[in-house]
Amino acid sequence: MKQGLIALAILMVAVITAMGYQWLAPTEEAGTGRSRPPSLVNITTPLVEVVADALTAVGTLKSRQAVAVTAEVSGRVVELNVQPGEVVAKGQLLVRLDDRQAQADLQVADAQFADAQRQYDRASRLVANNSIAQSRLDELRTALDVARAQRVAARIRLENHRIEAPFAGIVGLTDISLGSYLSEGETITTLDDTREMELEFSVPERYLGQLAQGQQVAGETPAYPGQVFHGTLVELGARVSELSRTLPVRALVDNSEGRLRPGQFMSVSLTLGQREALVIPEQAILMRGADSFVFVVEDGVAKRTRVTLGSREPGLVEIQSGLSADDAVVVTGQDRLSNGESVQVSTDDEAMLDHHLADRTWASSGANPAP
């Protein structure tokens, strides 16, 4: 019995000692004067700006007009005006072949036509007096038509010795030199109209209801980092690909400076629509799994608020729900805050650095600030 009483007395002493320590600990900590100060933060209010709904894709550039310049007839090059990279006008002479034989053929055709015309005219006067049969006049009319057609053919053969630009554009590379012999159908060079470039890419079928001609396109290419090329959506495909479930579309991209070239790769951003919305700096957003939230300052206290995000632009993000235009959103220091924590709003960027130092001093002192 006596041993039981002794054990009970020891237990009571231990309990009283523990309670006394807990009672005195807050007082002792308060006496040290090292309670954690309010966290310094910077805040901003959401802005109302025009945001764009856009999709991204990759595409390939093509010339608005492109052709391989070829020889229509065989012959030797006697005049060559092809300089790779040169801009030429529509109808400008590129190559002229030796056309002496073609000129002679045209002279023969002209003479034959003139003779056929004289015979037909004479017969026309004689048939009126019944001096010549109508059948003979018909034969001469046929001969005249044949001579006329032969003259036209001879003139075309002569013109084919002059190879001209079918449209204004840029001349490509060539292996032809003055004096070379060209065969019929042989390629001389290429010609591309690059003042506007066609950009072909594909759009997922779920966006079909939002597509329309005239929508704005912005493209970037690794060849010119940081430079944006602007264009307009001009054509929509008629069929959705059964394999990729996408619709081919085509845009025209301005290339007045001549930097873009056919076949070039380009990443595309297609603006589907624009609207006014609340936006905040992207750095204010904190992620916890699939949820996004920010801290809003109310009466000196940080309140964690869940938000729904929308479109993004460089440095900014749209807030679809969760904030109003008057909310004070924390943009710096939020990664160290907890819900309900006291904060002090600062406009001095150096204050944040001072507070970091204070946190390190607090940690080194052995105190345990609240999370």
Protein backbone atom coordinates (compact mmCIF):
# COMPACT_ATOMS: atom_id res chain seq x y z
CA MET A 1 0.00 0.00 0.00
CA LYS A 2 2.78 2.37 0.93
CA GLN A 3 4.55 1.65 -2.38
CA GLY A 4 1.38 2.49 -4.31
CA LEU A 5 1.07 5.85 -2.56
CA ILE A 6 4.70 6.66 -3.36
CA ALA A 7 4.18 5.87 -7.06
CA LEU A 8 1.05 8.03 -7.16
CA ALA A 9 2.90 10.93 -5.56
CA ILE A 10 5.71 10.69 -8.13
CA LEU A 11 3.19 10.72 -10.99
CA MET A 12 1.44 13.81 -9.63
CA VAL A 13 4.74 15.65 -9.32
CA ALA A 14 5.59 14.86 -12.97
CA VAL A 15 2.19 16.11 -14.17
CA ILE A 16 2.44 19.34 -12.18
CA THR A 17 5.98 19.93 -13.52
CA ALA A 18 4.87 19.47 -17.15
CA MET A 19 1.90 21.82 -16.72
CA GLY A 20 4.10 24.42 -15.16
CA TYR A 21 6.55 24.28 -18.03
CA GLN A 22 3.77 24.76 -20.60
CA TRP A 23 2.37 27.67 -18.57
CA LEU A 24 5.68 29.42 -18.30
CA ALA A 25 7.00 28.79 -21.85
CA PRO A 26 4.84 31.43 -23.64
CA THR A 27 5.76 33.96 -20.98
CA GLU A 28 9.44 33.25 -21.39
CA GLU A 29 9.22 33.50 -25.19
CA ALA A 30 7.32 36.77 -24.92
CA GLY A 31 10.00 38.05 -22.62
CA THR A 32 12.69 37.41 -25.17
CA GLY A 33 11.07 39.92 -27.58
CA ARG A 34 11.70 37.63 -30.57
CA SER A 35 8.10 36.97 -31.80
CA ARG A 36 7.92 36.70 -35.61
CA PRO A 37 7.01 40.01 -37.29
CA PRO A 38 4.32 40.21 -40.00
CA SER A 39 5.56 39.02 -43.37
CA LEU A 40 6.44 41.78 -45.80
CA VAL A 41 4.68 41.40 -49.14
CA ASN A 42 4.08 43.37 -52.32
CA ILE A 43 0.57 43.51 -53.73
CA THR A 44 -1.22 44.46 -56.91
CA THR A 45 -4.82 44.68 -58.08
CA PRO A 46 -6.10 42.75 -61.11
CA LEU A 47 -6.19 44.63 -64.38
CA VAL A 48 -8.97 44.57 -66.94
CA GLU A 49 -7.35 43.87 -70.31
CA VAL A 50 -8.25 42.41 -73.67
CA VAL A 51 -7.18 38.77 -73.76
CA ALA A 52 -7.16 36.45 -76.73
CA ASP A 53 -8.27 32.86 -77.04
CA ALA A 54 -5.57 31.28 -79.19
CA LEU A 55 -4.30 27.90 -80.27
CA THR A 56 -0.79 26.94 -81.28
CA ALA A 57 0.39 24.72 -84.11
CA VAL A 58 3.31 24.21 -86.47
CA GLY A 59 3.25 24.82 -90.20
CA THR A 60 5.26 25.14 -93.38
CA LEU A 61 5.67 28.20 -95.57
CA LYS A 62 4.99 28.16 -99.30
CA SER A 63 5.20 30.78 -102.01
CA ARG A 64 1.96 32.46 -102.99
CA GLN A 65 2.94 31.66 -106.58
CA ALA A 66 5.76 29.33 -107.60
CA VAL A 67 6.87 27.89 -110.92
CA ALA A 68 9.80 26.08 -112.51
CA VAL A 69 10.87 28.11 -115.53
CA THR A 70 11.40 25.71 -118.45
CA ALA A 71 12.29 25.91 -122.15
CA GLU A 72 9.32 25.56 -124.52
CA VAL A 73 11.59 24.81 -127.51
CA SER A 74 15.15 23.61 -128.01
CA GLY A 75 17.91 26.08 -128.78
CA ARG A 76 21.15 27.74 -127.77
CA VAL A 77 21.15 30.50 -125.14
CA VAL A 78 22.12 33.82 -126.72
CA GLU A 79 20.87 36.13 -123.92
CA LEU A 80 20.77 35.34 -120.22
CA ASN A 81 19.24 37.70 -117.63
CA VAL A 82 18.96 35.27 -114.71
CA GLN A 83 20.63 36.33 -111.46
CA PRO A 84 19.82 34.08 -108.47
CA GLY A 85 18.02 36.04 -105.76
CA GLU A 86 17.10 38.88 -108.11
CA VAL A 87 13.59 40.33 -108.03
CA VAL A 88 12.09 40.43 -111.52
CA ALA A 89 8.90 42.01 -112.86
CA LYS A 90 6.12 40.26 -114.70
CA GLY A 91 7.00 39.88 -118.40
CA GLN A 92 10.71 40.60 -117.87
CA LEU A 93 12.99 38.69 -120.30
CA LEU A 94 14.94 35.96 -118.53
CA VAL A 95 16.44 33.91 -121.39
CA ARG A 96 16.49 34.28 -125.18
CA LEU A 97 17.36 31.37 -127.43
CA ASP A 98 18.81 31.54 -130.93
CA ASP A 99 15.69 32.31 -133.00
CA ARG A 100 17.10 32.82 -136.53
CA GLN A 101 15.47 29.69 -137.88
CA ALA A 102 12.17 30.61 -136.22
CA GLN A 103 12.28 34.07 -137.80
CA ALA A 104 12.86 32.54 -141.23
CA ASP A 105 9.97 30.12 -140.70
CA LEU A 106 7.73 33.05 -139.81
CA GLN A 107 8.73 34.89 -143.00
CA VAL A 108 7.84 31.81 -145.06
CA ALA A 109 4.50 31.54 -143.26
CA ASP A 110 3.80 35.25 -143.89
CA ALA A 111 4.55 34.83 -147.60
CA GLN A 112 2.34 31.76 -147.90
CA PHE A 113 -0.49 33.53 -146.14
CA ALA A 114 -0.17 36.58 -148.39
CA ASP A 115 -0.27 34.36 -151.51
CA ALA A 116 -3.30 32.46 -150.22
CA GLN A 117 -5.03 35.74 -149.48
CA ARG A 118 -4.41 37.07 -153.04
CA GLN A 119 -5.71 33.87 -154.65
CA TYR A 120 -8.82 33.89 -152.53
CA ASP A 121 -9.53 37.56 -153.27
CA ARG A 122 -9.13 36.99 -157.05
CA ALA A 123 -11.41 33.96 -156.94
CA SER A 124 -14.01 35.90 -154.99
CA ARG A 125 -14.25 38.46 -157.82
CA LEU A 126 -14.44 35.76 -160.51
CA VAL A 127 -17.15 33.71 -158.84
CA ALA A 128 -19.47 36.67 -159.07
CA ASN A 129 -19.27 36.46 -162.90
CA ASN A 130 -19.53 32.66 -162.86
CA SER A 131 -15.98 32.52 -164.21
CA ILE A 132 -14.92 30.10 -161.49
CA ALA A 133 -16.73 27.32 -159.75
CA GLN A 134 -17.92 27.77 -156.19
CA SER A 135 -16.07 24.61 -155.22
CA ARG A 136 -12.80 26.20 -156.29
CA LEU A 137 -13.51 29.22 -154.11
CA ASP A 138 -14.15 26.91 -151.19
CA GLU A 139 -10.81 25.20 -151.72
CA LEU A 140 -9.04 28.55 -151.74
CA ARG A 141 -10.83 29.60 -148.56
CA THR A 142 -9.60 26.44 -146.85
CA ALA A 143 -6.06 27.07 -148.10
CA LEU A 144 -6.27 30.61 -146.72
CA ASP A 145 -7.37 29.33 -143.29
CA VAL A 146 -4.50 26.84 -143.24
CA ALA A 147 -1.99 29.51 -144.17
CA ARG A 148 -3.34 31.77 -141.43
CA ALA A 149 -2.99 29.00 -138.84
CA GLN A 150 0.54 28.19 -140.00
CA ARG A 151 1.49 31.83 -139.64
CA VAL A 152 0.13 31.90 -136.09
CA ALA A 153 2.05 28.72 -135.23
CA ALA A 154 5.27 30.16 -136.68
CA ARG A 155 4.83 33.34 -134.62
CA ILE A 156 4.29 31.30 -131.44
CA ARG A 157 7.44 29.23 -132.12
CA LEU A 158 9.38 32.46 -132.51
CA GLU A 159 7.95 33.88 -129.25
CA ASN A 160 8.83 30.65 -127.40
CA HIS A 161 12.49 31.50 -127.94
CA ARG A 162 11.92 34.36 -125.47
CA ILE A 163 11.42 33.04 -121.93
CA GLU A 164 9.81 35.70 -119.77
CA ALA A 165 8.75 35.88 -116.12
CA PRO A 166 5.07 34.87 -115.83
CA PHE A 167 4.70 36.95 -112.66
CA ALA A 168 6.78 39.18 -110.41
CA GLY A 169 9.00 37.22 -108.05
CA ILE A 170 12.45 36.13 -106.97
CA VAL A 171 14.68 34.08 -109.27
CA GLY A 172 16.19 30.90 -107.86
CA LEU A 173 19.46 29.10 -108.61
CA THR A 174 20.39 28.07 -112.15
CA ASP A 175 23.03 25.96 -113.86
CA ILE A 176 22.50 27.58 -117.27
CA SER A 177 25.16 29.80 -118.78
CA LEU A 178 25.44 31.86 -121.96
CA GLY A 179 25.92 29.55 -124.95
CA SER A 180 24.33 26.50 -123.28
CA TYR A 181 22.07 24.35 -125.41
CA LEU A 182 18.64 23.81 -123.89
CA SER A 183 16.35 20.97 -124.76
CA GLU A 184 12.59 21.34 -124.84
CA GLY A 185 11.18 21.03 -121.30
CA GLU A 186 14.54 21.56 -119.57
CA THR A 187 14.35 23.54 -116.32
CA ILE A 188 16.19 26.83 -116.34
CA THR A 189 15.45 28.18 -112.82
CA THR A 190 12.65 28.69 -110.33
CA LEU A 191 10.50 31.74 -109.72
CA ASP A 192 8.70 32.44 -106.43
CA ASP A 193 6.36 35.25 -105.48
CA THR A 194 7.26 35.77 -101.82
CA ARG A 195 5.70 39.14 -101.09
CA GLU A 196 3.08 37.16 -99.20
CA MET A 197 3.74 33.64 -97.98
CA GLU A 198 1.21 30.86 -97.60
CA LEU A 199 1.40 29.19 -94.20
CA GLU A 200 -0.23 25.78 -94.08
CA PHE A 201 -1.00 24.09 -90.76
CA SER A 202 -3.68 21.95 -89.14
CA VAL A 203 -6.25 22.77 -86.45
CA PRO A 204 -7.79 20.15 -84.10
CA GLU A 205 -11.41 19.45 -84.99
CA ARG A 206 -12.69 20.58 -81.58
CA TYR A 207 -11.97 24.20 -82.67
CA LEU A 208 -13.99 24.00 -85.90
CA GLY A 209 -16.86 26.02 -84.46
CA GLN A 210 -14.50 28.89 -83.63
CA LEU A 211 -12.67 29.06 -86.97
CA ALA A 212 -13.40 31.84 -89.46
CA GLN A 213 -11.63 33.51 -92.34
CA GLY A 214 -9.95 36.76 -91.37
CA GLN A 215 -8.72 35.60 -87.95
CA GLN A 216 -5.26 36.83 -87.02
CA VAL A 217 -2.18 34.61 -87.13
CA ALA A 218 1.23 35.20 -85.54
CA GLY A 219 4.21 33.07 -86.50
CA GLU A 220 7.76 32.62 -85.28
CA THR A 221 10.68 30.82 -86.87
CA PRO A 222 14.01 29.70 -85.36
CA ALA A 223 15.79 31.65 -88.11
CA TYR A 224 14.71 34.97 -86.51
CA PRO A 225 14.40 34.46 -82.74
CA GLY A 226 12.06 36.89 -81.04
CA GLN A 227 10.58 38.27 -84.26
CA VAL A 228 6.87 37.80 -84.89
CA PHE A 229 5.41 37.62 -88.40
CA HIS A 230 1.74 38.54 -88.73
CA GLY A 231 -0.86 37.17 -91.11
CA THR A 232 -4.52 36.37 -91.72
CA LEU A 233 -6.40 33.10 -92.04
CA VAL A 234 -7.71 32.95 -95.63
CA GLU A 235 -8.71 29.35 -96.45
CA LEU A 236 -10.23 26.42 -94.56
CA GLY A 237 -9.94 22.85 -95.74
CA ALA A 238 -13.01 20.90 -96.83
CA ARG A 239 -12.20 17.65 -95.00
CA VAL A 240 -11.06 16.63 -91.53
CA SER A 241 -8.26 14.09 -91.54
CA GLU A 242 -9.50 10.74 -90.26
CA LEU A 243 -6.05 9.90 -88.90
CA SER A 244 -5.09 13.11 -87.08
CA ARG A 245 -8.63 14.49 -86.56
CA THR A 246 -7.44 17.90 -87.75
CA LEU A 247 -8.53 20.35 -90.43
CA PRO A 248 -5.91 21.78 -92.82
CA VAL A 249 -6.03 25.57 -93.05
CA ARG A 250 -4.04 28.22 -94.88
CA ALA A 251 -2.97 31.71 -93.84
CA LEU A 252 -1.26 34.55 -95.68
CA VAL A 253 1.78 35.95 -93.87
CA ASP A 254 3.29 39.32 -94.74
CA ASN A 255 6.83 39.03 -96.09
CA SER A 256 7.40 42.52 -97.42
CA GLU A 257 10.93 42.48 -95.99
CA GLY A 258 11.75 39.27 -97.87
CA ARG A 259 13.08 37.35 -94.87
CA LEU A 260 10.90 34.27 -95.14
CA ARG A 261 11.52 31.53 -97.71
CA PRO A 262 9.43 28.69 -99.11
CA GLY A 263 9.67 25.42 -97.19
CA GLN A 264 10.58 27.15 -93.93
CA PHE A 265 9.23 25.78 -90.62
CA MET A 266 7.11 28.13 -88.50
CA SER A 267 5.32 27.87 -85.16
CA VAL A 268 1.86 29.41 -85.31
CA SER A 269 -0.50 31.12 -82.88
CA LEU A 270 -4.05 31.53 -84.22
CA THR A 271 -6.29 34.03 -82.41
CA LEU A 272 -9.80 32.58 -82.22
CA GLY A 273 -11.42 35.49 -80.37
CA GLN A 274 -10.84 38.40 -78.00
CA ARG A 275 -12.60 39.58 -74.85
CA GLU A 276 -12.07 41.71 -71.73
CA ALA A 277 -10.97 39.84 -68.62
CA LEU A 278 -9.15 40.19 -65.30
CA VAL A 279 -5.43 39.47 -65.46
CA ILE A 280 -2.73 39.32 -62.80
CA PRO A 281 1.03 38.70 -62.88
CA GLU A 282 1.76 35.04 -63.43
CA GLN A 283 4.22 35.03 -60.53
CA ALA A 284 1.32 35.48 -58.08
CA ILE A 285 -0.06 32.02 -58.87
CA LEU A 286 0.69 29.11 -56.55
CA MET A 287 -0.07 25.51 -57.51
CA ARG A 288 -1.11 22.67 -55.23
CA GLY A 289 -1.71 19.61 -57.36
CA ALA A 290 -4.42 20.48 -59.87
CA ASP A 291 -5.56 23.55 -57.91
CA SER A 292 -4.40 27.12 -58.44
CA PHE A 293 -4.65 29.80 -55.77
CA VAL A 294 -3.38 33.21 -54.74
CA PHE A 295 -3.12 35.13 -51.48
CA VAL A 296 -5.37 38.16 -51.05
CA VAL A 297 -4.69 40.73 -48.32
CA GLU A 298 -7.75 41.69 -46.24
CA ASP A 299 -7.30 43.93 -43.16
CA GLY A 300 -3.63 43.02 -42.88
CA VAL A 301 -4.26 39.28 -43.08
CA ALA A 302 -3.33 36.95 -45.97
CA LYS A 303 -6.27 34.93 -47.20
CA ARG A 304 -5.66 31.99 -49.52
CA THR A 305 -8.10 32.09 -52.43
CA ARG A 306 -8.65 29.43 -55.08
CA VAL A 307 -8.82 30.79 -58.63
CA THR A 308 -9.66 29.45 -62.08
CA LEU A 309 -7.10 30.29 -64.76
CA GLY A 310 -7.74 31.10 -68.41
CA SER A 311 -5.59 32.35 -71.23
CA ARG A 312 -1.94 33.19 -70.69
CA GLU A 313 0.27 35.90 -72.12
CA PRO A 314 3.94 36.57 -71.39
CA GLY A 315 4.05 37.40 -67.68
CA LEU A 316 0.25 37.57 -67.26
CA VAL A 317 -2.56 35.08 -66.70
CA GLU A 318 -6.32 35.46 -66.99
CA ILE A 319 -8.45 34.87 -63.88
CA GLN A 320 -11.82 33.45 -64.86
CA SER A 321 -13.15 33.18 -61.30
CA GLY A 322 -12.08 33.69 -57.70
CA LEU A 323 -11.04 37.37 -57.79
CA SER A 324 -12.60 40.78 -58.23
CA ALA A 325 -11.05 43.94 -59.63
CA ASP A 326 -10.63 45.39 -56.11
CA ASP A 327 -8.76 42.49 -54.51
CA ALA A 328 -5.22 43.09 -53.24
CA VAL A 329 -3.25 40.16 -54.63
CA VAL A 330 0.15 39.24 -53.18
CA VAL A 331 2.80 39.11 -55.90
CA THR A 332 5.98 38.67 -53.85
CA GLY A 333 6.51 36.71 -50.65
CA GLN A 334 3.45 34.52 -51.16
CA ASP A 335 5.48 31.32 -51.24
CA ARG A 336 6.21 31.74 -47.49
CA LEU A 337 2.67 32.61 -46.39
CA SER A 338 0.04 30.51 -44.70
CA ASN A 339 -3.67 31.17 -44.60
CA GLY A 340 -4.61 33.73 -41.93
CA GLU A 341 -1.07 34.99 -41.40
CA SER A 342 -0.51 38.68 -40.63
CA VAL A 343 1.25 40.62 -43.37
CA GLN A 344 2.67 44.05 -43.89
CA VAL A 345 2.33 45.58 -47.36
CA SER A 346 5.53 47.09 -48.70
CA THR A 347 6.35 48.92 -51.90
CA ASP A 348 10.08 48.67 -51.28
CA ASP A 349 11.68 45.73 -53.06
CA GLU A 350 14.60 45.85 -50.60
CA ALA A 351 12.16 45.28 -47.74
CA MET A 352 11.68 41.75 -48.96
CA LEU A 353 15.41 41.15 -48.74
CA ASP A 354 15.47 42.55 -45.19
CA HIS A 355 12.65 40.26 -44.20
CA HIS A 356 14.49 37.23 -45.61
CA LEU A 357 17.43 38.20 -43.42
CA ALA A 358 15.11 38.50 -40.42
CA ASP A 359 13.81 35.02 -41.10
CA ARG A 360 17.34 33.67 -41.18
CA THR A 361 18.12 35.48 -37.88
CA TRP A 362 14.96 33.99 -36.38
CA ALA A 363 15.93 30.53 -37.48
CA SER A 364 19.43 30.87 -36.06
CA SER A 365 18.09 32.01 -32.70
CA GLY A 366 16.47 28.66 -32.12
CA ALA A 367 12.87 29.97 -32.09
CA ASN A 368 10.14 28.16 -34.00
CA PRO A 369 8.07 30.61 -36.07
CA ALA A 370 4.64 29.52 -37.22
CA PRO A 371 4.54 27.94 -40.71
